[in-house]
Amino acid sequence: MAEPLFLIPELHNKIWGGTALGEFFDFKLASDHVGEAWIISAHPNGVDTISGGTYANQTLADVWQHHKELFGGATAEKFPLLVKFLDTKEDLSIQVHPDDAYAHAHANELGKTECWYILAAKPGAKIYYGHNAQTHTELATMIANQDWEHLLRQVAVKPGEFYYIPSGTVHALGAGVLALEVQQSSDTTYRIYDFDRVDQTTGQLRELHLEDAINVINVPSKERAVHPTSQVVGSNTKTLLADEKYFNVVKWDIKRPGQTFTQPATTYTLAVVIAGSGTLTVAEKTYPLTKGQGLILPSDVLEWSIDGDVTVVLSQPNN
């Protein structure tokens, strides 16, 4: 029988993490520096487990491997996307991610193009987004001299904003931000600068990856603004956040009497609840939806409906 796959998130402690994921989503945190909740993930560094239904207690990675019929008959070895929440009590390291070719050659990974939807931001919060170097020589010189003031571009952020971050883009979330991230399923990050923080587990400064970073950074910087577009659909609002090479991302603000969705049998949909609560109906069976929940509508779910006062973000792989 066609049914959704509800997932149990994997929580990750980070040197820059805090407690906002517990406060905002009511996640049960095991520490006061939880930085990431991997809401939909088959990545080996944080594989989610399915909760309930036919595939209860199986990992998403196993279901992807052995039941490709649930994913439109996909042939790729790796589940392509990863959805997470991030809480930045402190600035993240200034970083960059490789493209597919470099990641495959150097890390046996997918590349990492990603995007951020800002859920909450404290006054004065910012992100690092792009750089000012015009040549590779200038880039290498500014990094060697730690001339961050002139190299890095900073952007003030507020809730409801959206940023697209292709591989090769210098970036970091600043302190005081809670964000939803949709990305390629990769965990390869090259740190450029980490504010001279000491890893308490080792007593050493955290490792930097300057050679790899300089190899993959786009010069000149290629970050670009993405302008979400909204339309009213009945009592609801649909906002297209991104339709890019690796994924499309759509936010739905749903009010009663709800919204019906359809998809072809050749694709599948990742869904995450970012606000409110409601119900999901698939094949005449109803499931509760709560803030922070992640799930997948497999390709055999051709139609479903969502009711309530709830905001969901839907994403699909494009490649």
C-alpha atoms as a PDB file:
ATOM      1  CA  MET A   1       0.000   0.000   0.000  1.00  0.00           C
ATOM      2  CA  ALA A   2       1.254   3.480  -0.816  1.00  0.00           C
ATOM      3  CA  GLU A   3       2.381   5.243   2.370  1.00  0.00           C
ATOM      4  CA  PRO A   4       4.654   8.092   3.496  1.00  0.00           C
ATOM      5  CA  LEU A   5       8.053   7.423   5.046  1.00  0.00           C
ATOM      6  CA  PHE A   6       8.379   9.314   8.341  1.00  0.00           C
ATOM      7  CA  LEU A   7      11.962   9.778   9.531  1.00  0.00           C
ATOM      8  CA  ILE A   8      13.674  10.068  12.916  1.00  0.00           C
ATOM      9  CA  PRO A   9      16.234  12.883  12.704  1.00  0.00           C
ATOM     10  CA  GLU A  10      19.908  12.496  13.545  1.00  0.00           C
ATOM     11  CA  LEU A  11      21.204  15.277  15.826  1.00  0.00           C
ATOM     12  CA  HIS A  12      24.809  16.459  15.593  1.00  0.00           C
ATOM     13  CA  ASN A  13      26.837  18.315  18.210  1.00  0.00           C
ATOM     14  CA  LYS A  14      28.870  21.195  16.782  1.00  0.00           C
ATOM     15  CA  ILE A  15      31.383  23.543  18.371  1.00  0.00           C
ATOM     16  CA  TRP A  16      29.178  26.438  17.199  1.00  0.00           C
ATOM     17  CA  GLY A  17      25.803  24.847  18.103  1.00  0.00           C
ATOM     18  CA  GLY A  18      23.356  25.746  20.860  1.00  0.00           C
ATOM     19  CA  THR A  19      19.916  24.817  22.178  1.00  0.00           C
ATOM     20  CA  ALA A  20      17.576  26.560  19.714  1.00  0.00           C
ATOM     21  CA  LEU A  21      16.661  23.320  17.921  1.00  0.00           C
ATOM     22  CA  GLY A  22      15.120  22.097  21.168  1.00  0.00           C
ATOM     23  CA  GLU A  23      13.361  25.388  21.826  1.00  0.00           C
ATOM     24  CA  PHE A  24      12.058  25.910  18.278  1.00  0.00           C
ATOM     25  CA  PHE A  25      11.189  22.321  17.347  1.00  0.00           C
ATOM     26  CA  ASP A  26      10.919  20.621  20.747  1.00  0.00           C
ATOM     27  CA  PHE A  27      13.678  18.167  19.833  1.00  0.00           C
ATOM     28  CA  LYS A  28      15.156  16.382  22.848  1.00  0.00           C
ATOM     29  CA  LEU A  29      18.772  17.526  22.948  1.00  0.00           C
ATOM     30  CA  ALA A  30      21.525  15.557  24.645  1.00  0.00           C
ATOM     31  CA  SER A  31      23.822  18.592  24.955  1.00  0.00           C
ATOM     32  CA  ASP A  32      23.831  22.392  24.913  1.00  0.00           C
ATOM     33  CA  HIS A  33      25.732  22.604  21.606  1.00  0.00           C
ATOM     34  CA  VAL A  34      23.583  20.776  19.081  1.00  0.00           C
ATOM     35  CA  GLY A  35      24.208  22.476  15.750  1.00  0.00           C
ATOM     36  CA  GLU A  36      22.426  20.318  13.198  1.00  0.00           C
ATOM     37  CA  ALA A  37      19.373  18.077  12.908  1.00  0.00           C
ATOM     38  CA  TRP A  38      19.527  15.900   9.796  1.00  0.00           C
ATOM     39  CA  ILE A  39      15.815  15.653   9.083  1.00  0.00           C
ATOM     40  CA  ILE A  40      15.954  13.642   5.843  1.00  0.00           C
ATOM     41  CA  SER A  41      19.258  11.853   5.353  1.00  0.00           C
ATOM     42  CA  ALA A  42      20.692   8.653   3.938  1.00  0.00           C
ATOM     43  CA  HIS A  43      24.260   9.919   4.270  1.00  0.00           C
ATOM     44  CA  PRO A  44      26.568   7.544   6.178  1.00  0.00           C
ATOM     45  CA  ASN A  45      27.572  10.324   8.599  1.00  0.00           C
ATOM     46  CA  GLY A  46      23.966  10.587   9.802  1.00  0.00           C
ATOM     47  CA  VAL A  47      21.481   8.040   8.456  1.00  0.00           C
ATOM     48  CA  ASP A  48      17.854   8.558   9.457  1.00  0.00           C
ATOM     49  CA  THR A  49      15.654   5.651  10.519  1.00  0.00           C
ATOM     50  CA  ILE A  50      12.074   5.209   9.331  1.00  0.00           C
ATOM     51  CA  SER A  51       9.409   5.461  12.007  1.00  0.00           C
ATOM     52  CA  GLY A  52       6.314   3.284  11.593  1.00  0.00           C
ATOM     53  CA  GLY A  53       4.728   1.663   8.579  1.00  0.00           C
ATOM     54  CA  THR A  54       5.960  -1.112   6.326  1.00  0.00           C
ATOM     55  CA  TYR A  55       9.633  -0.094   6.623  1.00  0.00           C
ATOM     56  CA  ALA A  56       9.685   0.718  10.349  1.00  0.00           C
ATOM     57  CA  ASN A  57      13.150   0.619  11.939  1.00  0.00           C
ATOM     58  CA  GLN A  58      14.901   0.357   8.580  1.00  0.00           C
ATOM     59  CA  THR A  59      17.292   3.111   7.581  1.00  0.00           C
ATOM     60  CA  LEU A  60      16.588   5.369   4.646  1.00  0.00           C
ATOM     61  CA  ALA A  61      19.885   4.205   3.138  1.00  0.00           C
ATOM     62  CA  ASP A  62      18.732   0.567   3.200  1.00  0.00           C
ATOM     63  CA  VAL A  63      15.338   1.370   1.736  1.00  0.00           C
ATOM     64  CA  TRP A  64      17.004   3.440  -0.999  1.00  0.00           C
ATOM     65  CA  GLN A  65      19.356   0.554  -1.769  1.00  0.00           C
ATOM     66  CA  HIS A  66      16.764  -2.223  -1.865  1.00  0.00           C
ATOM     67  CA  HIS A  67      13.509  -0.508  -2.888  1.00  0.00           C
ATOM     68  CA  LYS A  68      14.307   1.779  -5.782  1.00  0.00           C
ATOM     69  CA  GLU A  69      10.712   1.312  -6.930  1.00  0.00           C
ATOM     70  CA  LEU A  70       9.759   3.769  -4.147  1.00  0.00           C
ATOM     71  CA  PHE A  71      11.965   6.406  -5.768  1.00  0.00           C
ATOM     72  CA  GLY A  72      10.788   6.381  -9.350  1.00  0.00           C
ATOM     73  CA  GLY A  73      13.120   3.543 -10.254  1.00  0.00           C
ATOM     74  CA  ALA A  74      16.185   5.698  -9.504  1.00  0.00           C
ATOM     75  CA  THR A  75      19.477   4.106 -10.491  1.00  0.00           C
ATOM     76  CA  ALA A  76      21.928   6.326  -8.594  1.00  0.00           C
ATOM     77  CA  GLU A  77      24.025   4.634  -5.941  1.00  0.00           C
ATOM     78  CA  LYS A  78      23.512   7.435  -3.418  1.00  0.00           C
ATOM     79  CA  PHE A  79      20.336   9.102  -2.214  1.00  0.00           C
ATOM     80  CA  PRO A  80      20.783  12.540  -3.796  1.00  0.00           C
ATOM     81  CA  LEU A  81      19.505  15.049  -1.226  1.00  0.00           C
ATOM     82  CA  LEU A  82      19.875  15.872   2.461  1.00  0.00           C
ATOM     83  CA  VAL A  83      17.598  18.183   4.457  1.00  0.00           C
ATOM     84  CA  LYS A  84      18.695  19.628   7.797  1.00  0.00           C
ATOM     85  CA  PHE A  85      18.058  22.337  10.372  1.00  0.00           C
ATOM     86  CA  LEU A  86      20.995  24.378  11.664  1.00  0.00           C
ATOM     87  CA  ASP A  87      21.321  26.394  14.891  1.00  0.00           C
ATOM     88  CA  THR A  88      24.300  28.746  15.030  1.00  0.00           C
ATOM     89  CA  LYS A  89      24.986  29.957  18.544  1.00  0.00           C
ATOM     90  CA  GLU A  90      28.341  31.073  17.109  1.00  0.00           C
ATOM     91  CA  ASP A  91      29.585  31.729  13.571  1.00  0.00           C
ATOM     92  CA  LEU A  92      30.261  28.664  11.457  1.00  0.00           C
ATOM     93  CA  SER A  93      33.729  28.329   9.979  1.00  0.00           C
ATOM     94  CA  ILE A  94      34.257  30.214   6.725  1.00  0.00           C
ATOM     95  CA  GLN A  95      34.027  27.378   4.206  1.00  0.00           C
ATOM     96  CA  VAL A  96      33.467  26.142   0.690  1.00  0.00           C
ATOM     97  CA  HIS A  97      32.170  22.904  -0.843  1.00  0.00           C
ATOM     98  CA  PRO A  98      33.430  21.119  -3.979  1.00  0.00           C
ATOM     99  CA  ASP A  99      31.508  20.336  -7.156  1.00  0.00           C
ATOM    100  CA  ASP A 100      30.700  16.767  -8.205  1.00  0.00           C
ATOM    101  CA  ALA A 101      33.917  16.159 -10.141  1.00  0.00           C
ATOM    102  CA  TYR A 102      36.266  17.373  -7.400  1.00  0.00           C
ATOM    103  CA  ALA A 103      34.311  15.664  -4.611  1.00  0.00           C
ATOM    104  CA  HIS A 104      34.269  12.361  -6.479  1.00  0.00           C
ATOM    105  CA  ALA A 105      37.999  12.497  -7.156  1.00  0.00           C
ATOM    106  CA  HIS A 106      39.084  13.615  -3.677  1.00  0.00           C
ATOM    107  CA  ALA A 107      36.417  12.401  -1.237  1.00  0.00           C
ATOM    108  CA  ASN A 108      34.327   9.734  -3.038  1.00  0.00           C
ATOM    109  CA  GLU A 109      31.329  11.974  -2.388  1.00  0.00           C
ATOM    110  CA  LEU A 110      28.749  13.946  -4.274  1.00  0.00           C
ATOM    111  CA  GLY A 111      29.464  17.631  -4.621  1.00  0.00           C
ATOM    112  CA  LYS A 112      27.625  20.005  -2.339  1.00  0.00           C
ATOM    113  CA  THR A 113      25.341  22.666  -3.723  1.00  0.00           C
ATOM    114  CA  GLU A 114      22.916  23.852  -1.052  1.00  0.00           C
ATOM    115  CA  CYS A 115      20.389  26.499  -0.109  1.00  0.00           C
ATOM    116  CA  TRP A 116      19.213  28.171   3.093  1.00  0.00           C
ATOM    117  CA  TYR A 117      15.767  29.304   4.197  1.00  0.00           C
ATOM    118  CA  ILE A 118      16.145  31.557   7.253  1.00  0.00           C
ATOM    119  CA  LEU A 119      13.700  30.428   9.948  1.00  0.00           C
ATOM    120  CA  ALA A 120      14.808  32.791  12.704  1.00  0.00           C
ATOM    121  CA  ALA A 121      17.545  35.392  13.149  1.00  0.00           C
ATOM    122  CA  LYS A 122      18.559  37.483  16.125  1.00  0.00           C
ATOM    123  CA  PRO A 123      18.965  41.254  15.641  1.00  0.00           C
ATOM    124  CA  GLY A 124      22.192  41.961  13.783  1.00  0.00           C
ATOM    125  CA  ALA A 125      22.527  38.397  12.489  1.00  0.00           C
ATOM    126  CA  LYS A 126      24.431  37.929   9.237  1.00  0.00           C
ATOM    127  CA  ILE A 127      25.838  35.403   6.838  1.00  0.00           C
ATOM    128  CA  TYR A 128      29.108  35.280   4.958  1.00  0.00           C
ATOM    129  CA  TYR A 129      28.246  34.962   1.269  1.00  0.00           C
ATOM    130  CA  GLY A 130      30.854  35.274  -1.455  1.00  0.00           C
ATOM    131  CA  HIS A 131      34.247  36.988  -1.665  1.00  0.00           C
ATOM    132  CA  ASN A 132      35.934  39.984  -3.290  1.00  0.00           C
ATOM    133  CA  ALA A 133      39.059  38.452  -4.877  1.00  0.00           C
ATOM    134  CA  GLN A 134      39.275  38.918  -8.640  1.00  0.00           C
ATOM    135  CA  THR A 135      42.039  36.408  -9.409  1.00  0.00           C
ATOM    136  CA  HIS A 136      43.277  33.141  -7.906  1.00  0.00           C
ATOM    137  CA  THR A 137      46.536  34.869  -6.971  1.00  0.00           C
ATOM    138  CA  GLU A 138      44.655  37.593  -5.121  1.00  0.00           C
ATOM    139  CA  LEU A 139      42.505  34.972  -3.402  1.00  0.00           C
ATOM    140  CA  ALA A 140      45.512  32.953  -2.225  1.00  0.00           C
ATOM    141  CA  THR A 141      47.291  36.097  -1.024  1.00  0.00           C
ATOM    142  CA  MET A 142      44.310  37.383   0.943  1.00  0.00           C
ATOM    143  CA  ILE A 143      43.820  33.972   2.583  1.00  0.00           C
ATOM    144  CA  ALA A 144      47.531  33.682   3.429  1.00  0.00           C
ATOM    145  CA  ASN A 145      47.430  37.174   4.970  1.00  0.00           C
ATOM    146  CA  GLN A 146      44.145  36.403   6.754  1.00  0.00           C
ATOM    147  CA  ASP A 147      42.725  39.589   5.252  1.00  0.00           C
ATOM    148  CA  TRP A 148      39.174  38.536   6.028  1.00  0.00           C
ATOM    149  CA  GLU A 149      37.885  42.107   6.268  1.00  0.00           C
ATOM    150  CA  HIS A 150      38.573  42.721   2.587  1.00  0.00           C
ATOM    151  CA  LEU A 151      38.060  39.177   1.291  1.00  0.00           C
ATOM    152  CA  LEU A 152      34.692  38.199   2.754  1.00  0.00           C
ATOM    153  CA  ARG A 153      31.291  39.581   1.842  1.00  0.00           C
ATOM    154  CA  GLN A 154      28.787  39.827   4.690  1.00  0.00           C
ATOM    155  CA  VAL A 155      25.002  40.089   4.365  1.00  0.00           C
ATOM    156  CA  ALA A 156      22.504  40.958   7.114  1.00  0.00           C
ATOM    157  CA  VAL A 157      19.683  38.389   7.283  1.00  0.00           C
ATOM    158  CA  LYS A 158      16.172  38.171   8.628  1.00  0.00           C
ATOM    159  CA  PRO A 159      13.526  35.417   8.831  1.00  0.00           C
ATOM    160  CA  GLY A 160      11.874  34.428   5.559  1.00  0.00           C
ATOM    161  CA  GLU A 161      14.905  35.086   3.361  1.00  0.00           C
ATOM    162  CA  PHE A 162      16.338  32.483   0.998  1.00  0.00           C
ATOM    163  CA  TYR A 163      19.890  31.991  -0.267  1.00  0.00           C
ATOM    164  CA  TYR A 164      21.214  29.696  -2.991  1.00  0.00           C
ATOM    165  CA  ILE A 165      24.790  28.482  -2.499  1.00  0.00           C
ATOM    166  CA  PRO A 166      26.307  26.644  -5.482  1.00  0.00           C
ATOM    167  CA  SER A 167      29.435  24.573  -4.965  1.00  0.00           C
ATOM    168  CA  GLY A 168      32.526  26.764  -5.018  1.00  0.00           C
ATOM    169  CA  THR A 169      30.843  29.593  -3.074  1.00  0.00           C
ATOM    170  CA  VAL A 170      32.604  30.917   0.039  1.00  0.00           C
ATOM    171  CA  HIS A 171      29.971  31.025   2.775  1.00  0.00           C
ATOM    172  CA  ALA A 172      29.014  30.564   6.421  1.00  0.00           C
ATOM    173  CA  LEU A 173      26.022  31.173   8.639  1.00  0.00           C
ATOM    174  CA  GLY A 174      26.723  33.795  11.272  1.00  0.00           C
ATOM    175  CA  ALA A 175      25.784  33.570  14.931  1.00  0.00           C
ATOM    176  CA  GLY A 176      22.140  33.765  15.966  1.00  0.00           C
ATOM    177  CA  VAL A 177      20.578  32.103  12.924  1.00  0.00           C
ATOM    178  CA  LEU A 178      18.203  29.156  12.651  1.00  0.00           C
ATOM    179  CA  ALA A 179      18.014  27.840   9.090  1.00  0.00           C
ATOM    180  CA  LEU A 180      16.549  25.083   6.967  1.00  0.00           C
ATOM    181  CA  GLU A 181      19.069  23.694   4.498  1.00  0.00           C
ATOM    182  CA  VAL A 182      18.326  21.607   1.404  1.00  0.00           C
ATOM    183  CA  GLN A 183      21.512  20.275  -0.171  1.00  0.00           C
ATOM    184  CA  GLN A 184      23.128  17.525  -2.162  1.00  0.00           C
ATOM    185  CA  SER A 185      23.808  14.536   0.074  1.00  0.00           C
ATOM    186  CA  SER A 186      27.422  15.338   0.867  1.00  0.00           C
ATOM    187  CA  ASP A 187      29.396  16.092   4.019  1.00  0.00           C
ATOM    188  CA  THR A 188      32.584  17.410   2.398  1.00  0.00           C
ATOM    189  CA  THR A 189      33.518  20.848   3.704  1.00  0.00           C
ATOM    190  CA  TYR A 190      36.784  22.728   3.234  1.00  0.00           C
ATOM    191  CA  ARG A 191      37.417  25.233   6.038  1.00  0.00           C
ATOM    192  CA  ILE A 192      39.180  28.471   5.153  1.00  0.00           C
ATOM    193  CA  TYR A 193      39.047  30.190   8.539  1.00  0.00           C
ATOM    194  CA  ASP A 194      37.638  29.110  11.906  1.00  0.00           C
ATOM    195  CA  PHE A 195      38.106  32.182  14.126  1.00  0.00           C
ATOM    196  CA  ASP A 196      41.034  30.390  15.839  1.00  0.00           C
ATOM    197  CA  ARG A 197      38.671  28.161  17.804  1.00  0.00           C
ATOM    198  CA  VAL A 198      40.075  25.276  19.834  1.00  0.00           C
ATOM    199  CA  ASP A 199      38.419  21.863  19.594  1.00  0.00           C
ATOM    200  CA  GLN A 200      37.786  20.938  23.225  1.00  0.00           C
ATOM    201  CA  THR A 201      38.097  17.224  22.425  1.00  0.00           C
ATOM    202  CA  THR A 202      41.645  17.607  21.086  1.00  0.00           C
ATOM    203  CA  GLY A 203      42.887  20.830  22.635  1.00  0.00           C
ATOM    204  CA  GLN A 204      44.019  21.898  19.148  1.00  0.00           C
ATOM    205  CA  LEU A 205      42.838  24.421  16.602  1.00  0.00           C
ATOM    206  CA  ARG A 206      40.382  22.844  14.194  1.00  0.00           C
ATOM    207  CA  GLU A 207      41.844  21.673  10.911  1.00  0.00           C
ATOM    208  CA  LEU A 208      41.785  23.977   7.898  1.00  0.00           C
ATOM    209  CA  HIS A 209      41.780  22.775   4.274  1.00  0.00           C
ATOM    210  CA  LEU A 210      43.365  25.680   2.425  1.00  0.00           C
ATOM    211  CA  GLU A 211      44.759  23.831  -0.595  1.00  0.00           C
ATOM    212  CA  ASP A 212      41.472  22.106  -1.388  1.00  0.00           C
ATOM    213  CA  ALA A 213      39.523  25.292  -0.676  1.00  0.00           C
ATOM    214  CA  ILE A 214      41.614  27.402  -3.043  1.00  0.00           C
ATOM    215  CA  ASN A 215      41.278  24.676  -5.687  1.00  0.00           C
ATOM    216  CA  VAL A 216      37.459  24.764  -5.638  1.00  0.00           C
ATOM    217  CA  ILE A 217      36.538  28.386  -4.856  1.00  0.00           C
ATOM    218  CA  ASN A 218      34.903  30.173  -7.793  1.00  0.00           C
ATOM    219  CA  VAL A 219      37.001  33.171  -8.865  1.00  0.00           C
ATOM    220  CA  PRO A 220      35.547  35.722  -9.347  1.00  0.00           C
ATOM    221  CA  SER A 221      32.792  34.867  -6.892  1.00  0.00           C
ATOM    222  CA  LYS A 222      29.630  33.555  -8.563  1.00  0.00           C
ATOM    223  CA  GLU A 223      27.031  33.824  -5.820  1.00  0.00           C
ATOM    224  CA  ARG A 224      23.762  35.219  -7.125  1.00  0.00           C
ATOM    225  CA  ALA A 225      20.487  36.356  -5.692  1.00  0.00           C
ATOM    226  CA  VAL A 226      17.482  34.070  -6.016  1.00  0.00           C
ATOM    227  CA  HIS A 227      14.106  35.776  -5.927  1.00  0.00           C
ATOM    228  CA  PRO A 228      11.301  33.530  -4.615  1.00  0.00           C
ATOM    229  CA  THR A 229       7.952  33.948  -6.317  1.00  0.00           C
ATOM    230  CA  SER A 230       4.610  33.456  -4.563  1.00  0.00           C
ATOM    231  CA  GLN A 231       1.102  32.740  -5.779  1.00  0.00           C
ATOM    232  CA  VAL A 232      -2.188  32.266  -3.987  1.00  0.00           C
ATOM    233  CA  VAL A 233      -3.772  28.854  -4.517  1.00  0.00           C
ATOM    234  CA  GLY A 234      -7.210  28.745  -2.920  1.00  0.00           C
ATOM    235  CA  SER A 235      -6.717  29.497   0.771  1.00  0.00           C
ATOM    236  CA  ASN A 236      -2.989  28.728   0.552  1.00  0.00           C
ATOM    237  CA  THR A 237       0.210  30.398  -0.602  1.00  0.00           C
ATOM    238  CA  LYS A 238       2.779  28.606  -2.750  1.00  0.00           C
ATOM    239  CA  THR A 239       6.302  30.082  -2.861  1.00  0.00           C
ATOM    240  CA  LEU A 240       8.864  28.741  -5.313  1.00  0.00           C
ATOM    241  CA  LEU A 241      12.177  29.120  -3.515  1.00  0.00           C
ATOM    242  CA  ALA A 242      14.460  27.411  -6.027  1.00  0.00           C
ATOM    243  CA  ASP A 243      14.383  25.383  -9.219  1.00  0.00           C
ATOM    244  CA  GLU A 244      18.053  24.671  -9.832  1.00  0.00           C
ATOM    245  CA  LYS A 245      20.347  21.964 -11.213  1.00  0.00           C
ATOM    246  CA  TYR A 246      20.103  19.542  -8.293  1.00  0.00           C
ATOM    247  CA  PHE A 247      16.782  20.323  -6.607  1.00  0.00           C
ATOM    248  CA  ASN A 248      13.581  22.301  -6.621  1.00  0.00           C
ATOM    249  CA  VAL A 249      12.276  23.710  -3.340  1.00  0.00           C
ATOM    250  CA  VAL A 250       8.753  25.006  -2.706  1.00  0.00           C
ATOM    251  CA  LYS A 251       7.248  26.434   0.498  1.00  0.00           C
ATOM    252  CA  TRP A 252       3.532  26.020   1.116  1.00  0.00           C
ATOM    253  CA  ASP A 253       1.655  28.050   3.722  1.00  0.00           C
ATOM    254  CA  ILE A 254      -1.498  26.007   4.155  1.00  0.00           C
ATOM    255  CA  LYS A 255      -4.778  27.021   5.753  1.00  0.00           C
ATOM    256  CA  ARG A 256      -7.978  25.025   6.033  1.00  0.00           C
ATOM    257  CA  PRO A 257      -9.548  23.469   4.000  1.00  0.00           C
ATOM    258  CA  GLY A 258      -6.064  22.373   2.945  1.00  0.00           C
ATOM    259  CA  GLN A 259      -4.306  21.484  -0.283  1.00  0.00           C
ATOM    260  CA  THR A 260      -4.147  18.424  -2.543  1.00  0.00           C
ATOM    261  CA  PHE A 261      -0.858  17.494  -4.206  1.00  0.00           C
ATOM    262  CA  THR A 262       0.006  15.133  -7.032  1.00  0.00           C
ATOM    263  CA  GLN A 263       3.253  13.776  -8.443  1.00  0.00           C
ATOM    264  CA  PRO A 264       4.157  11.491 -11.356  1.00  0.00           C
ATOM    265  CA  ALA A 265       5.363   7.957 -10.638  1.00  0.00           C
ATOM    266  CA  THR A 266       8.816   8.953 -11.904  1.00  0.00           C
ATOM    267  CA  THR A 267       9.685  11.130  -8.904  1.00  0.00           C
ATOM    268  CA  TYR A 268       9.305  11.449  -5.129  1.00  0.00           C
ATOM    269  CA  THR A 269       8.955  14.359  -2.715  1.00  0.00           C
ATOM    270  CA  LEU A 270      10.804  15.285   0.472  1.00  0.00           C
ATOM    271  CA  ALA A 271       8.678  17.238   2.971  1.00  0.00           C
ATOM    272  CA  VAL A 272       9.567  19.055   6.180  1.00  0.00           C
ATOM    273  CA  VAL A 273       7.216  20.916   8.505  1.00  0.00           C
ATOM    274  CA  ILE A 274       8.685  24.282   9.541  1.00  0.00           C
ATOM    275  CA  ALA A 275       5.692  25.849  11.332  1.00  0.00           C
ATOM    276  CA  GLY A 276       2.278  24.982  12.732  1.00  0.00           C
ATOM    277  CA  SER A 277       0.577  21.613  12.716  1.00  0.00           C
ATOM    278  CA  GLY A 278      -1.865  19.710  10.577  1.00  0.00           C
ATOM    279  CA  THR A 279      -2.665  16.372   9.017  1.00  0.00           C
ATOM    280  CA  LEU A 280      -1.449  14.448   5.994  1.00  0.00           C
ATOM    281  CA  THR A 281      -3.842  12.138   4.156  1.00  0.00           C
ATOM    282  CA  VAL A 282      -2.556   9.369   1.885  1.00  0.00           C
ATOM    283  CA  ALA A 283      -4.825   6.647   0.489  1.00  0.00           C
ATOM    284  CA  GLU A 284      -7.601   7.658   2.916  1.00  0.00           C
ATOM    285  CA  LYS A 285      -5.298   7.235   5.933  1.00  0.00           C
ATOM    286  CA  THR A 286      -4.524  10.305   8.049  1.00  0.00           C
ATOM    287  CA  TYR A 287      -1.218  11.093   9.769  1.00  0.00           C
ATOM    288  CA  PRO A 288      -0.456  13.971  12.187  1.00  0.00           C
ATOM    289  CA  LEU A 289       2.053  16.618  11.106  1.00  0.00           C
ATOM    290  CA  THR A 290       4.051  18.554  13.699  1.00  0.00           C
ATOM    291  CA  LYS A 291       6.731  21.233  13.505  1.00  0.00           C
ATOM    292  CA  GLY A 292      10.185  19.810  12.789  1.00  0.00           C
ATOM    293  CA  GLN A 293       8.924  16.621  11.148  1.00  0.00           C
ATOM    294  CA  GLY A 294      10.532  15.208   8.031  1.00  0.00           C
ATOM    295  CA  LEU A 295       9.087  12.653   5.646  1.00  0.00           C
ATOM    296  CA  ILE A 296       9.206  11.370   2.095  1.00  0.00           C
ATOM    297  CA  LEU A 297       6.260  10.863  -0.232  1.00  0.00           C
ATOM    298  CA  PRO A 298       7.530   7.919  -2.337  1.00  0.00           C
ATOM    299  CA  SER A 299       6.794   7.656  -6.033  1.00  0.00           C
ATOM    300  CA  ASP A 300       3.882   5.245  -5.455  1.00  0.00           C
ATOM    301  CA  VAL A 301       2.093   8.047  -3.584  1.00  0.00           C
ATOM    302  CA  LEU A 302       0.558   9.760  -6.586  1.00  0.00           C
ATOM    303  CA  GLU A 303      -1.749  12.012  -4.556  1.00  0.00           C
ATOM    304  CA  TRP A 304      -1.884  13.333  -1.015  1.00  0.00           C
ATOM    305  CA  SER A 305      -3.494  16.188   0.883  1.00  0.00           C
ATOM    306  CA  ILE A 306      -2.402  18.392   3.778  1.00  0.00           C
ATOM    307  CA  ASP A 307      -4.877  20.138   6.070  1.00  0.00           C
ATOM    308  CA  GLY A 308      -4.440  22.449   9.046  1.00  0.00           C
ATOM    309  CA  ASP A 309      -2.582  25.661   9.779  1.00  0.00           C
ATOM    310  CA  VAL A 310       0.847  24.499   8.726  1.00  0.00           C
ATOM    311  CA  THR A 311       3.881  25.506   6.667  1.00  0.00           C
ATOM    312  CA  VAL A 312       5.725  22.792   4.783  1.00  0.00           C
ATOM    313  CA  VAL A 313       8.744  22.885   2.509  1.00  0.00           C
ATOM    314  CA  LEU A 314       8.689  20.367  -0.344  1.00  0.00           C
ATOM    315  CA  SER A 315      11.758  19.455  -2.376  1.00  0.00           C
ATOM    316  CA  GLN A 316      12.516  17.066  -5.200  1.00  0.00           C
ATOM    317  CA  PRO A 317      15.757  16.061  -6.907  1.00  0.00           C
ATOM    318  CA  ASN A 318      16.217  17.624 -10.329  1.00  0.00           C
ATOM    319  CA  ASN A 319      19.155  15.520 -11.438  1.00  0.00           C
END
